[in-house]
Amino acid sequence: MKRMNSLFGAMAFLLAANFVSAQTLDKMQWFNEPEQWEIKENSLVMQVTPQSDYWRISHYGFTVDDAPFLYTTYGGEFEAKVKLTGAYKARFDQMGLMLRTDHENYIKTGVEFVDGKFNVSTVVTHTKSDWSVTTLDKVPPYIWIKVVRRLDAVEIFYSLDDKNYIMTRNAPLQDNKPVMVGLMAASPDGNGFQARFEYFKVKHLPDQRRVEWLKKNSGN
């Protein structure tokens, strides 16, 4: 009976831990801090550093790792989302979320302005980078991006209303290792632009393997 009570107690604790919390942006850290930025009412507005980006080797033959990134560190499984509004100007102007283990392993995803069109863009880098895009039919005033880290993968979604989310990609990311997660913007070809990030939130998700183990070993 004690064993069953302890198992049920553990499951209750894991389920109770499934909560949403708005991140306190002023307690997060900068990687490549831009010259101009402001945090007000827990929203971040930055002037994106000109000619900055994250990319490694493939197709273009160069490596850059110098765009602004405001981050915190999370372990385990989680969901993160944010509302993006950008005054995009030049080709490849972009902003969104980034999950980063180190300079050779990261995923960045969000809005990218290419040839006058808005794209939901994702770059997955494991030693070398790849790039995938979903072109939007219309130019929305803002967009929501959500990432869900489960096991050894990250699912990527976008929404125009924070209600209906559309999945655009499932990409690998090493599990059981803490990652930096936060707000990224870049202007590879341009002179920078104003990027606004609002309602950045992270929701802890109970470890999927452990939840399954507890279910199988509950004694029922």
N, C-alpha and C. Protein backbone atom coordinates (compact mmCIF):
# COMPACT_ATOMS: atom_id res chain seq x y z
N MET A 1 0.83 -1.21 0.00
CA MET A 1 0.00 0.00 0.00
C MET A 1 0.86 1.26 0.00
N LYS A 2 1.95 1.22 0.80
CA LYS A 2 2.84 2.39 0.82
C LYS A 2 3.41 2.65 -0.56
N ARG A 3 3.78 1.53 -1.25
CA ARG A 3 4.36 1.69 -2.58
C ARG A 3 3.36 2.33 -3.53
N MET A 4 2.09 1.87 -3.48
CA MET A 4 1.06 2.44 -4.35
C MET A 4 0.83 3.90 -4.03
N ASN A 5 0.79 4.22 -2.74
CA ASN A 5 0.57 5.62 -2.35
C ASN A 5 1.70 6.50 -2.83
N SER A 6 2.94 6.00 -2.73
CA SER A 6 4.08 6.80 -3.16
C SER A 6 4.07 7.01 -4.67
N LEU A 7 3.65 5.96 -5.41
CA LEU A 7 3.59 6.09 -6.86
C LEU A 7 2.51 7.07 -7.28
N PHE A 8 1.32 6.95 -6.65
CA PHE A 8 0.25 7.90 -6.97
C PHE A 8 0.63 9.31 -6.57
N GLY A 9 1.34 9.41 -5.46
CA GLY A 9 1.79 10.74 -5.03
C GLY A 9 2.76 11.35 -6.01
N ALA A 10 3.64 10.52 -6.53
CA ALA A 10 4.61 11.00 -7.53
C ALA A 10 3.90 11.45 -8.79
N MET A 11 2.88 10.67 -9.23
CA MET A 11 2.13 11.04 -10.43
C MET A 11 1.38 12.35 -10.20
N ALA A 12 0.79 12.51 -9.02
CA ALA A 12 0.07 13.75 -8.73
C ALA A 12 1.00 14.94 -8.75
N PHE A 13 2.23 14.74 -8.22
CA PHE A 13 3.21 15.83 -8.23
C PHE A 13 3.59 16.21 -9.66
N LEU A 14 3.80 15.21 -10.51
CA LEU A 14 4.16 15.49 -11.90
C LEU A 14 3.06 16.22 -12.63
N LEU A 15 1.81 15.80 -12.41
CA LEU A 15 0.70 16.47 -13.08
C LEU A 15 0.51 17.88 -12.56
N ALA A 16 0.72 18.07 -11.27
CA ALA A 16 0.59 19.41 -10.69
C ALA A 16 1.67 20.34 -11.21
N ALA A 17 2.80 19.76 -11.62
CA ALA A 17 3.90 20.59 -12.12
C ALA A 17 3.65 21.11 -13.52
N ASN A 18 2.56 20.65 -14.16
CA ASN A 18 2.25 21.07 -15.53
C ASN A 18 1.56 22.44 -15.50
N PHE A 19 2.37 23.47 -15.29
CA PHE A 19 1.83 24.80 -15.14
C PHE A 19 2.46 25.76 -16.14
N VAL A 20 1.81 26.89 -16.34
CA VAL A 20 2.31 27.90 -17.25
C VAL A 20 2.84 29.07 -16.45
N SER A 21 3.98 29.57 -16.80
CA SER A 21 4.53 30.73 -16.09
C SER A 21 5.09 31.72 -17.09
N ALA A 22 4.71 32.98 -16.92
CA ALA A 22 5.32 34.03 -17.73
C ALA A 22 6.73 34.26 -17.23
N GLN A 23 7.67 34.36 -18.14
CA GLN A 23 9.05 34.52 -17.74
C GLN A 23 9.34 35.97 -17.37
N THR A 24 10.13 36.16 -16.36
CA THR A 24 10.58 37.51 -15.98
C THR A 24 11.77 37.85 -16.87
N LEU A 25 11.53 38.65 -17.88
CA LEU A 25 12.55 38.88 -18.90
C LEU A 25 13.80 39.54 -18.34
N ASP A 26 13.64 40.41 -17.34
CA ASP A 26 14.82 41.13 -16.83
C ASP A 26 15.74 40.24 -16.01
N LYS A 27 15.33 38.98 -15.78
CA LYS A 27 16.21 38.03 -15.10
C LYS A 27 16.87 37.07 -16.09
N MET A 28 16.57 37.24 -17.36
CA MET A 28 17.19 36.41 -18.39
C MET A 28 18.53 37.01 -18.80
N GLN A 29 19.32 36.25 -19.56
CA GLN A 29 20.67 36.66 -19.93
C GLN A 29 20.78 36.94 -21.43
N TRP A 30 21.70 37.83 -21.76
CA TRP A 30 21.97 38.14 -23.16
C TRP A 30 23.13 37.30 -23.69
N PHE A 31 22.96 36.82 -24.89
CA PHE A 31 24.05 36.32 -25.72
C PHE A 31 24.06 37.25 -26.93
N ASN A 32 25.15 37.97 -27.14
CA ASN A 32 25.22 38.99 -28.19
C ASN A 32 24.19 40.11 -27.94
N GLU A 33 24.36 40.80 -26.85
CA GLU A 33 23.44 41.88 -26.48
C GLU A 33 23.42 42.98 -27.55
N PRO A 34 22.24 43.39 -28.02
CA PRO A 34 22.17 44.48 -29.01
C PRO A 34 22.43 45.83 -28.34
N GLU A 35 22.73 46.83 -29.16
CA GLU A 35 23.01 48.15 -28.60
C GLU A 35 21.77 48.81 -28.01
N GLN A 36 20.61 48.56 -28.63
CA GLN A 36 19.38 49.20 -28.16
C GLN A 36 18.33 48.15 -27.85
N TRP A 37 17.84 48.17 -26.62
CA TRP A 37 16.76 47.26 -26.23
C TRP A 37 16.10 47.80 -24.97
N GLU A 38 14.87 47.36 -24.75
CA GLU A 38 14.11 47.79 -23.58
C GLU A 38 13.13 46.69 -23.17
N ILE A 39 13.04 46.47 -21.88
CA ILE A 39 12.03 45.58 -21.32
C ILE A 39 11.03 46.43 -20.56
N LYS A 40 9.77 46.34 -20.98
CA LYS A 40 8.72 47.13 -20.36
C LYS A 40 7.46 46.28 -20.25
N GLU A 41 6.91 46.20 -19.06
CA GLU A 41 5.72 45.38 -18.80
C GLU A 41 5.92 43.95 -19.31
N ASN A 42 7.11 43.45 -19.07
CA ASN A 42 7.51 42.08 -19.42
C ASN A 42 7.43 41.79 -20.92
N SER A 43 7.59 42.84 -21.74
CA SER A 43 7.75 42.69 -23.18
C SER A 43 9.14 43.21 -23.56
N LEU A 44 9.74 42.58 -24.55
CA LEU A 44 11.06 43.00 -25.02
C LEU A 44 10.94 43.67 -26.38
N VAL A 45 11.51 44.86 -26.50
CA VAL A 45 11.64 45.54 -27.79
C VAL A 45 13.12 45.77 -28.03
N MET A 46 13.62 45.32 -29.17
CA MET A 46 15.03 45.52 -29.48
C MET A 46 15.20 46.09 -30.88
N GLN A 47 16.28 46.80 -31.09
CA GLN A 47 16.73 47.18 -32.41
C GLN A 47 17.76 46.14 -32.81
N VAL A 48 17.39 45.31 -33.78
CA VAL A 48 18.20 44.13 -34.09
C VAL A 48 19.56 44.55 -34.67
N THR A 49 20.59 43.88 -34.23
CA THR A 49 21.95 44.17 -34.68
C THR A 49 22.08 43.98 -36.19
N PRO A 50 22.60 44.98 -36.91
CA PRO A 50 22.75 44.85 -38.37
C PRO A 50 23.69 43.70 -38.74
N GLN A 51 23.39 43.07 -39.86
CA GLN A 51 24.22 42.03 -40.45
C GLN A 51 24.64 40.98 -39.42
N SER A 52 23.65 40.46 -38.71
CA SER A 52 23.89 39.43 -37.70
C SER A 52 23.02 38.21 -38.02
N ASP A 53 23.47 37.03 -37.58
CA ASP A 53 22.70 35.81 -37.90
C ASP A 53 23.24 34.64 -37.11
N TYR A 54 22.53 33.50 -37.23
CA TYR A 54 23.00 32.20 -36.78
C TYR A 54 22.93 31.24 -37.96
N TRP A 55 24.07 30.69 -38.33
CA TRP A 55 24.14 29.74 -39.46
C TRP A 55 25.48 29.03 -39.40
N ARG A 56 25.49 27.75 -39.85
CA ARG A 56 26.73 27.00 -39.87
C ARG A 56 26.91 26.28 -41.22
N ILE A 57 27.84 26.75 -41.98
CA ILE A 57 28.53 26.03 -43.07
C ILE A 57 27.67 25.76 -44.30
N SER A 58 26.63 24.94 -44.20
CA SER A 58 26.02 24.33 -45.38
C SER A 58 25.45 25.36 -46.35
N HIS A 59 25.53 25.05 -47.62
CA HIS A 59 25.02 25.82 -48.76
C HIS A 59 25.79 27.12 -48.99
N TYR A 60 25.91 27.94 -47.93
CA TYR A 60 26.57 29.24 -48.10
C TYR A 60 28.06 29.18 -47.83
N GLY A 61 28.50 28.21 -47.05
CA GLY A 61 29.93 28.02 -46.84
C GLY A 61 30.52 28.85 -45.71
N PHE A 62 29.69 29.60 -44.96
CA PHE A 62 30.22 30.40 -43.86
C PHE A 62 29.51 30.02 -42.56
N THR A 63 30.10 30.47 -41.45
CA THR A 63 29.51 30.26 -40.12
C THR A 63 29.43 31.60 -39.41
N VAL A 64 28.24 31.91 -38.90
CA VAL A 64 28.04 33.13 -38.10
C VAL A 64 27.25 32.76 -36.85
N ASP A 65 27.54 33.49 -35.76
CA ASP A 65 26.95 33.16 -34.47
C ASP A 65 26.87 34.44 -33.63
N ASP A 66 26.30 35.50 -34.23
CA ASP A 66 26.44 36.81 -33.61
C ASP A 66 25.14 37.62 -33.46
N ALA A 67 23.98 36.99 -33.61
CA ALA A 67 22.72 37.73 -33.49
C ALA A 67 22.26 37.80 -32.04
N PRO A 68 21.42 38.77 -31.69
CA PRO A 68 20.95 38.92 -30.31
C PRO A 68 20.08 37.73 -29.89
N PHE A 69 20.25 37.32 -28.64
CA PHE A 69 19.52 36.17 -28.08
C PHE A 69 19.39 36.37 -26.58
N LEU A 70 18.16 36.59 -26.11
CA LEU A 70 17.88 36.74 -24.69
C LEU A 70 17.32 35.40 -24.20
N TYR A 71 17.99 34.78 -23.23
CA TYR A 71 17.65 33.39 -22.93
C TYR A 71 17.63 33.10 -21.43
N THR A 72 16.97 31.99 -21.13
CA THR A 72 17.05 31.33 -19.83
C THR A 72 17.35 29.87 -20.11
N THR A 73 17.63 29.09 -19.09
CA THR A 73 18.02 27.70 -19.28
C THR A 73 16.98 26.77 -18.67
N TYR A 74 16.57 25.77 -19.44
CA TYR A 74 15.59 24.79 -18.98
C TYR A 74 16.12 23.39 -19.24
N GLY A 75 15.83 22.48 -18.31
CA GLY A 75 16.09 21.07 -18.53
C GLY A 75 14.77 20.35 -18.79
N GLY A 76 14.86 19.10 -19.18
CA GLY A 76 13.65 18.30 -19.34
C GLY A 76 12.78 18.73 -20.50
N GLU A 77 11.50 18.42 -20.37
CA GLU A 77 10.54 18.65 -21.45
C GLU A 77 9.69 19.88 -21.13
N PHE A 78 9.37 20.66 -22.15
CA PHE A 78 8.64 21.90 -21.92
C PHE A 78 7.98 22.38 -23.21
N GLU A 79 7.09 23.36 -23.04
CA GLU A 79 6.47 24.07 -24.15
C GLU A 79 6.78 25.55 -23.97
N ALA A 80 7.19 26.22 -25.02
CA ALA A 80 7.46 27.66 -24.97
C ALA A 80 6.74 28.35 -26.13
N LYS A 81 6.23 29.55 -25.88
CA LYS A 81 5.59 30.30 -26.96
C LYS A 81 5.77 31.79 -26.75
N VAL A 82 5.55 32.55 -27.82
CA VAL A 82 5.73 34.00 -27.77
C VAL A 82 4.95 34.64 -28.92
N LYS A 83 4.57 35.88 -28.73
CA LYS A 83 3.93 36.69 -29.77
C LYS A 83 4.99 37.59 -30.41
N LEU A 84 5.04 37.59 -31.74
CA LEU A 84 6.07 38.31 -32.48
C LEU A 84 5.46 39.42 -33.33
N THR A 85 6.05 40.61 -33.23
CA THR A 85 5.68 41.74 -34.10
C THR A 85 6.96 42.41 -34.56
N GLY A 86 7.17 42.48 -35.88
CA GLY A 86 8.42 43.04 -36.39
C GLY A 86 8.20 44.05 -37.49
N ALA A 87 9.05 45.07 -37.50
CA ALA A 87 9.05 46.06 -38.58
C ALA A 87 10.10 45.64 -39.61
N TYR A 88 9.86 44.50 -40.26
CA TYR A 88 10.83 43.91 -41.17
C TYR A 88 11.10 44.83 -42.36
N LYS A 89 12.35 44.88 -42.78
CA LYS A 89 12.73 45.77 -43.87
C LYS A 89 13.48 45.03 -44.98
N ALA A 90 14.53 44.32 -44.59
CA ALA A 90 15.43 43.73 -45.59
C ALA A 90 15.21 42.22 -45.71
N ARG A 91 15.66 41.69 -46.81
CA ARG A 91 15.62 40.24 -47.02
C ARG A 91 16.29 39.51 -45.87
N PHE A 92 15.65 38.48 -45.40
CA PHE A 92 16.12 37.61 -44.31
C PHE A 92 15.97 38.21 -42.92
N ASP A 93 15.38 39.41 -42.77
CA ASP A 93 15.06 39.90 -41.43
C ASP A 93 14.18 38.85 -40.75
N GLN A 94 14.49 38.54 -39.49
CA GLN A 94 13.82 37.41 -38.83
C GLN A 94 13.78 37.61 -37.32
N MET A 95 12.79 36.96 -36.68
CA MET A 95 12.70 36.96 -35.22
C MET A 95 11.90 35.74 -34.78
N GLY A 96 12.18 35.27 -33.56
CA GLY A 96 11.44 34.12 -33.07
C GLY A 96 12.05 33.53 -31.82
N LEU A 97 11.84 32.24 -31.65
CA LEU A 97 12.37 31.48 -30.52
C LEU A 97 13.62 30.72 -30.94
N MET A 98 14.51 30.53 -29.98
CA MET A 98 15.67 29.67 -30.24
C MET A 98 15.89 28.75 -29.05
N LEU A 99 16.19 27.48 -29.35
CA LEU A 99 16.64 26.49 -28.39
C LEU A 99 18.08 26.14 -28.76
N ARG A 100 18.96 26.24 -27.78
CA ARG A 100 20.38 26.14 -28.10
C ARG A 100 21.11 25.33 -27.03
N THR A 101 21.81 24.31 -27.48
CA THR A 101 22.69 23.55 -26.59
C THR A 101 24.09 24.15 -26.59
N ASP A 102 24.61 24.40 -27.78
CA ASP A 102 25.91 25.04 -27.94
C ASP A 102 26.00 25.60 -29.35
N HIS A 103 27.17 26.08 -29.75
CA HIS A 103 27.30 26.77 -31.03
C HIS A 103 27.13 25.85 -32.23
N GLU A 104 27.14 24.54 -32.01
CA GLU A 104 26.96 23.59 -33.11
C GLU A 104 25.59 22.92 -33.10
N ASN A 105 24.78 23.20 -32.07
CA ASN A 105 23.49 22.52 -31.93
C ASN A 105 22.42 23.50 -31.45
N TYR A 106 21.54 23.89 -32.36
CA TYR A 106 20.47 24.81 -32.00
C TYR A 106 19.34 24.74 -33.03
N ILE A 107 18.18 25.21 -32.60
CA ILE A 107 17.02 25.35 -33.46
C ILE A 107 16.49 26.76 -33.30
N LYS A 108 16.35 27.49 -34.40
CA LYS A 108 15.71 28.81 -34.36
C LYS A 108 14.49 28.77 -35.27
N THR A 109 13.41 29.37 -34.82
CA THR A 109 12.18 29.31 -35.59
C THR A 109 11.33 30.55 -35.32
N GLY A 110 10.66 31.04 -36.37
CA GLY A 110 9.83 32.23 -36.22
C GLY A 110 9.43 32.77 -37.57
N VAL A 111 9.36 34.10 -37.66
CA VAL A 111 9.01 34.78 -38.90
C VAL A 111 10.28 35.22 -39.62
N GLU A 112 10.32 35.00 -40.93
CA GLU A 112 11.43 35.49 -41.74
C GLU A 112 10.87 36.16 -42.98
N PHE A 113 11.37 37.36 -43.26
CA PHE A 113 10.90 38.18 -44.37
C PHE A 113 11.80 37.91 -45.58
N VAL A 114 11.22 37.31 -46.62
CA VAL A 114 12.02 36.92 -47.79
C VAL A 114 11.30 37.34 -49.06
N ASP A 115 11.94 38.21 -49.82
CA ASP A 115 11.40 38.65 -51.11
C ASP A 115 9.97 39.16 -51.00
N GLY A 116 9.74 39.97 -49.98
CA GLY A 116 8.45 40.62 -49.79
C GLY A 116 7.38 39.74 -49.18
N LYS A 117 7.72 38.50 -48.82
CA LYS A 117 6.73 37.58 -48.24
C LYS A 117 7.13 37.19 -46.82
N PHE A 118 6.09 36.86 -46.02
CA PHE A 118 6.31 36.39 -44.66
C PHE A 118 6.36 34.86 -44.67
N ASN A 119 7.38 34.32 -44.04
CA ASN A 119 7.55 32.88 -43.94
C ASN A 119 7.66 32.46 -42.49
N VAL A 120 7.04 31.35 -42.15
CA VAL A 120 7.36 30.68 -40.90
C VAL A 120 8.61 29.85 -41.20
N SER A 121 9.70 30.25 -40.59
CA SER A 121 11.01 29.75 -40.98
C SER A 121 11.66 29.00 -39.82
N THR A 122 12.31 27.89 -40.13
CA THR A 122 13.02 27.13 -39.11
C THR A 122 14.40 26.74 -39.63
N VAL A 123 15.41 26.99 -38.82
CA VAL A 123 16.77 26.51 -39.10
C VAL A 123 17.15 25.53 -38.00
N VAL A 124 17.48 24.31 -38.41
CA VAL A 124 17.94 23.28 -37.49
C VAL A 124 19.43 23.06 -37.74
N THR A 125 20.21 23.21 -36.69
CA THR A 125 21.66 23.08 -36.83
C THR A 125 22.19 21.99 -35.92
N HIS A 126 22.79 20.98 -36.53
CA HIS A 126 23.57 19.98 -35.82
C HIS A 126 24.87 19.83 -36.62
N THR A 127 25.87 20.58 -36.22
CA THR A 127 27.13 20.76 -36.95
C THR A 127 26.94 21.61 -38.20
N LYS A 128 25.99 21.24 -39.07
CA LYS A 128 25.64 22.04 -40.23
C LYS A 128 24.17 22.43 -40.15
N SER A 129 23.83 23.56 -40.77
CA SER A 129 22.47 24.08 -40.72
C SER A 129 21.64 23.62 -41.91
N ASP A 130 20.31 23.45 -41.66
CA ASP A 130 19.37 23.34 -42.76
C ASP A 130 18.29 24.40 -42.57
N TRP A 131 17.45 24.59 -43.58
CA TRP A 131 16.47 25.68 -43.55
C TRP A 131 15.19 25.21 -44.20
N SER A 132 14.06 25.40 -43.51
CA SER A 132 12.76 25.09 -44.09
C SER A 132 11.83 26.28 -43.88
N VAL A 133 10.91 26.49 -44.85
CA VAL A 133 10.00 27.64 -44.77
C VAL A 133 8.59 27.23 -45.14
N THR A 134 7.63 27.90 -44.51
CA THR A 134 6.22 27.83 -44.89
C THR A 134 5.77 29.24 -45.20
N THR A 135 5.45 29.53 -46.45
CA THR A 135 5.07 30.88 -46.85
C THR A 135 3.62 31.15 -46.50
N LEU A 136 3.36 32.30 -45.88
CA LEU A 136 2.00 32.68 -45.50
C LEU A 136 1.32 33.41 -46.66
N ASP A 137 0.04 33.15 -46.84
CA ASP A 137 -0.72 33.77 -47.93
C ASP A 137 -0.88 35.27 -47.72
N LYS A 138 -1.04 35.67 -46.46
CA LYS A 138 -1.25 37.08 -46.14
C LYS A 138 -0.18 37.56 -45.19
N VAL A 139 -0.05 38.87 -45.08
CA VAL A 139 0.90 39.47 -44.15
C VAL A 139 0.17 39.78 -42.85
N PRO A 140 0.35 38.98 -41.80
CA PRO A 140 -0.36 39.22 -40.54
C PRO A 140 0.31 40.34 -39.75
N PRO A 141 -0.46 41.05 -38.91
CA PRO A 141 0.14 42.10 -38.08
C PRO A 141 1.09 41.53 -37.03
N TYR A 142 0.86 40.28 -36.64
CA TYR A 142 1.70 39.59 -35.67
C TYR A 142 1.49 38.09 -35.85
N ILE A 143 2.32 37.32 -35.17
CA ILE A 143 2.21 35.87 -35.26
C ILE A 143 2.70 35.26 -33.95
N TRP A 144 2.10 34.14 -33.58
CA TRP A 144 2.53 33.38 -32.40
C TRP A 144 3.35 32.18 -32.86
N ILE A 145 4.44 31.92 -32.14
CA ILE A 145 5.26 30.75 -32.39
C ILE A 145 5.31 29.91 -31.11
N LYS A 146 5.17 28.60 -31.28
CA LYS A 146 5.22 27.69 -30.13
C LYS A 146 6.15 26.52 -30.45
N VAL A 147 6.97 26.14 -29.47
CA VAL A 147 7.80 24.95 -29.60
C VAL A 147 7.50 24.02 -28.43
N VAL A 148 7.49 22.72 -28.72
CA VAL A 148 7.24 21.71 -27.69
C VAL A 148 8.40 20.73 -27.71
N ARG A 149 9.16 20.71 -26.64
CA ARG A 149 10.27 19.76 -26.54
C ARG A 149 9.77 18.49 -25.85
N ARG A 150 9.78 17.39 -26.58
CA ARG A 150 9.36 16.10 -26.07
C ARG A 150 10.42 15.06 -26.43
N LEU A 151 10.90 14.32 -25.41
CA LEU A 151 11.90 13.29 -25.64
C LEU A 151 13.08 13.87 -26.42
N ASP A 152 13.40 13.31 -27.59
CA ASP A 152 14.58 13.75 -28.34
C ASP A 152 14.21 14.59 -29.55
N ALA A 153 13.08 15.31 -29.47
CA ALA A 153 12.62 16.09 -30.62
C ALA A 153 11.92 17.36 -30.16
N VAL A 154 11.78 18.29 -31.10
CA VAL A 154 11.06 19.54 -30.88
C VAL A 154 10.00 19.69 -31.96
N GLU A 155 8.75 19.89 -31.55
CA GLU A 155 7.68 20.17 -32.49
C GLU A 155 7.49 21.68 -32.58
N ILE A 156 7.27 22.18 -33.78
CA ILE A 156 7.19 23.62 -34.03
C ILE A 156 5.83 23.97 -34.63
N PHE A 157 5.19 25.00 -34.06
CA PHE A 157 3.85 25.41 -34.47
C PHE A 157 3.81 26.93 -34.65
N TYR A 158 2.82 27.40 -35.45
CA TYR A 158 2.53 28.83 -35.51
C TYR A 158 1.03 29.04 -35.43
N SER A 159 0.65 30.27 -35.05
CA SER A 159 -0.77 30.63 -34.93
C SER A 159 -0.93 32.11 -35.20
N LEU A 160 -2.08 32.48 -35.73
CA LEU A 160 -2.40 33.88 -35.95
C LEU A 160 -3.29 34.44 -34.85
N ASP A 161 -3.75 33.56 -33.93
CA ASP A 161 -4.67 34.02 -32.89
C ASP A 161 -4.40 33.42 -31.52
N ASP A 162 -3.35 32.67 -31.35
CA ASP A 162 -3.01 31.99 -30.09
C ASP A 162 -4.07 30.96 -29.70
N LYS A 163 -4.86 30.51 -30.65
CA LYS A 163 -5.87 29.49 -30.39
C LYS A 163 -5.68 28.28 -31.30
N ASN A 164 -5.62 28.55 -32.58
CA ASN A 164 -5.46 27.49 -33.57
C ASN A 164 -4.00 27.44 -34.01
N TYR A 165 -3.32 26.38 -33.64
CA TYR A 165 -1.90 26.23 -33.95
C TYR A 165 -1.70 25.19 -35.06
N ILE A 166 -0.82 25.52 -35.99
CA ILE A 166 -0.52 24.66 -37.12
C ILE A 166 0.92 24.19 -37.00
N MET A 167 1.13 22.88 -37.07
CA MET A 167 2.47 22.33 -36.95
C MET A 167 3.21 22.47 -38.29
N THR A 168 4.45 22.91 -38.22
CA THR A 168 5.26 23.06 -39.42
C THR A 168 6.47 22.14 -39.47
N ARG A 169 6.88 21.63 -38.30
CA ARG A 169 8.10 20.81 -38.34
C ARG A 169 8.26 20.01 -37.05
N ASN A 170 8.92 18.86 -37.17
CA ASN A 170 9.40 18.07 -36.05
C ASN A 170 10.89 17.87 -36.29
N ALA A 171 11.73 18.33 -35.34
CA ALA A 171 13.17 18.30 -35.56
C ALA A 171 13.88 17.66 -34.36
N PRO A 172 14.98 16.97 -34.58
CA PRO A 172 15.69 16.31 -33.48
C PRO A 172 16.45 17.30 -32.60
N LEU A 173 16.47 17.00 -31.30
CA LEU A 173 17.28 17.74 -30.34
C LEU A 173 17.59 16.80 -29.19
N GLN A 174 18.85 16.72 -28.80
CA GLN A 174 19.26 15.77 -27.77
C GLN A 174 18.42 15.93 -26.51
N ASP A 175 17.93 14.81 -25.97
CA ASP A 175 17.12 14.87 -24.76
C ASP A 175 18.01 14.74 -23.52
N ASN A 176 17.38 14.94 -22.35
CA ASN A 176 18.06 14.83 -21.05
C ASN A 176 19.30 15.72 -20.96
N LYS A 177 19.18 16.90 -21.56
CA LYS A 177 20.28 17.86 -21.51
C LYS A 177 19.69 19.26 -21.45
N PRO A 178 20.13 20.09 -20.49
CA PRO A 178 19.59 21.46 -20.41
C PRO A 178 19.86 22.24 -21.70
N VAL A 179 18.92 23.11 -22.06
CA VAL A 179 19.08 23.95 -23.24
C VAL A 179 18.78 25.40 -22.89
N MET A 180 19.40 26.29 -23.63
CA MET A 180 19.04 27.70 -23.56
C MET A 180 17.79 27.90 -24.42
N VAL A 181 16.80 28.57 -23.89
CA VAL A 181 15.58 28.84 -24.65
C VAL A 181 15.23 30.31 -24.47
N GLY A 182 14.86 30.97 -25.58
CA GLY A 182 14.54 32.39 -25.46
C GLY A 182 14.26 33.05 -26.79
N LEU A 183 14.54 34.35 -26.83
CA LEU A 183 14.09 35.24 -27.88
C LEU A 183 15.26 35.66 -28.76
N MET A 184 15.14 35.40 -30.06
CA MET A 184 16.22 35.64 -31.02
C MET A 184 15.72 36.50 -32.16
N ALA A 185 16.57 37.38 -32.66
CA ALA A 185 16.28 38.14 -33.88
C ALA A 185 17.58 38.37 -34.64
N ALA A 186 17.47 38.45 -35.97
CA ALA A 186 18.66 38.61 -36.81
C ALA A 186 18.32 39.43 -38.05
N SER A 187 19.35 40.05 -38.59
CA SER A 187 19.19 40.85 -39.80
C SER A 187 20.42 40.63 -40.69
N PRO A 188 20.51 39.44 -41.31
CA PRO A 188 21.73 39.06 -42.03
C PRO A 188 22.12 40.00 -43.16
N ASP A 189 21.13 40.48 -43.93
CA ASP A 189 21.42 41.34 -45.08
C ASP A 189 21.17 42.81 -44.82
N GLY A 190 20.51 43.11 -43.70
CA GLY A 190 20.02 44.46 -43.50
C GLY A 190 20.74 45.25 -42.42
N ASN A 191 20.18 46.42 -42.15
CA ASN A 191 20.73 47.33 -41.14
C ASN A 191 19.96 47.27 -39.83
N GLY A 192 19.26 46.16 -39.62
CA GLY A 192 18.51 46.00 -38.39
C GLY A 192 17.06 46.46 -38.53
N PHE A 193 16.23 46.10 -37.58
CA PHE A 193 14.83 46.49 -37.56
C PHE A 193 14.33 46.38 -36.13
N GLN A 194 13.15 46.94 -35.87
CA GLN A 194 12.60 46.86 -34.52
C GLN A 194 11.80 45.56 -34.37
N ALA A 195 12.11 44.81 -33.33
CA ALA A 195 11.45 43.54 -33.05
C ALA A 195 10.81 43.59 -31.67
N ARG A 196 9.54 43.21 -31.59
CA ARG A 196 8.82 43.20 -30.31
C ARG A 196 8.39 41.77 -29.96
N PHE A 197 8.73 41.36 -28.75
CA PHE A 197 8.37 40.04 -28.23
C PHE A 197 7.44 40.23 -27.03
N GLU A 198 6.27 39.59 -27.08
CA GLU A 198 5.30 39.72 -26.00
C GLU A 198 4.83 38.35 -25.53
N TYR A 199 4.45 38.30 -24.26
CA TYR A 199 3.80 37.10 -23.67
C TYR A 199 4.66 35.85 -23.78
N PHE A 200 5.96 36.01 -23.62
CA PHE A 200 6.84 34.84 -23.63
C PHE A 200 6.55 33.97 -22.40
N LYS A 201 6.22 32.70 -22.64
CA LYS A 201 5.87 31.79 -21.55
C LYS A 201 6.50 30.43 -21.78
N VAL A 202 6.80 29.78 -20.69
CA VAL A 202 7.30 28.41 -20.75
C VAL A 202 6.44 27.56 -19.82
N LYS A 203 5.99 26.43 -20.32
CA LYS A 203 5.20 25.49 -19.52
C LYS A 203 5.98 24.19 -19.35
N HIS A 204 6.26 23.84 -18.11
CA HIS A 204 6.95 22.59 -17.83
C HIS A 204 6.05 21.41 -18.20
N LEU A 205 6.63 20.39 -18.83
CA LEU A 205 5.91 19.16 -19.16
C LEU A 205 6.55 18.00 -18.41
N PRO A 206 5.77 17.21 -17.67
CA PRO A 206 6.33 16.05 -16.99
C PRO A 206 7.03 15.12 -17.97
N ASP A 207 8.15 14.55 -17.56
CA ASP A 207 8.93 13.67 -18.41
C ASP A 207 8.06 12.51 -18.92
N GLN A 208 7.98 12.40 -20.24
CA GLN A 208 7.06 11.44 -20.85
C GLN A 208 7.42 10.00 -20.49
N ARG A 209 8.71 9.68 -20.48
CA ARG A 209 9.10 8.31 -20.16
C ARG A 209 8.75 7.96 -18.71
N ARG A 210 8.93 8.93 -17.81
CA ARG A 210 8.63 8.65 -16.41
C ARG A 210 7.13 8.50 -16.18
N VAL A 211 6.34 9.33 -16.83
CA VAL A 211 4.89 9.21 -16.70
C VAL A 211 4.42 7.84 -17.16
N GLU A 212 4.97 7.38 -18.30
CA GLU A 212 4.60 6.05 -18.80
C GLU A 212 5.04 4.96 -17.83
N TRP A 213 6.22 5.11 -17.25
CA TRP A 213 6.71 4.12 -16.29
C TRP A 213 5.80 4.07 -15.07
N LEU A 214 5.40 5.25 -14.58
CA LEU A 214 4.52 5.29 -13.41
C LEU A 214 3.18 4.63 -13.69
N LYS A 215 2.67 4.84 -14.89
CA LYS A 215 1.40 4.21 -15.26
C LYS A 215 1.52 2.69 -15.26
N LYS A 216 2.63 2.19 -15.80
CA LYS A 216 2.82 0.75 -15.91
C LYS A 216 3.13 0.10 -14.57
N ASN A 217 3.61 0.90 -13.61
CA ASN A 217 4.04 0.35 -12.33
C ASN A 217 3.23 0.90 -11.16
N SER A 218 1.98 1.23 -11.44
CA SER A 218 1.11 1.79 -10.40
C SER A 218 0.52 0.72 -9.49
N GLY A 219 0.67 -0.55 -9.87
CA GLY A 219 0.15 -1.63 -9.06
C GLY A 219 -1.25 -2.05 -9.41
N ASN A 220 -1.87 -1.36 -10.43
CA ASN A 220 -3.23 -1.73 -10.83
C ASN A 220 -3.21 -2.97 -11.72
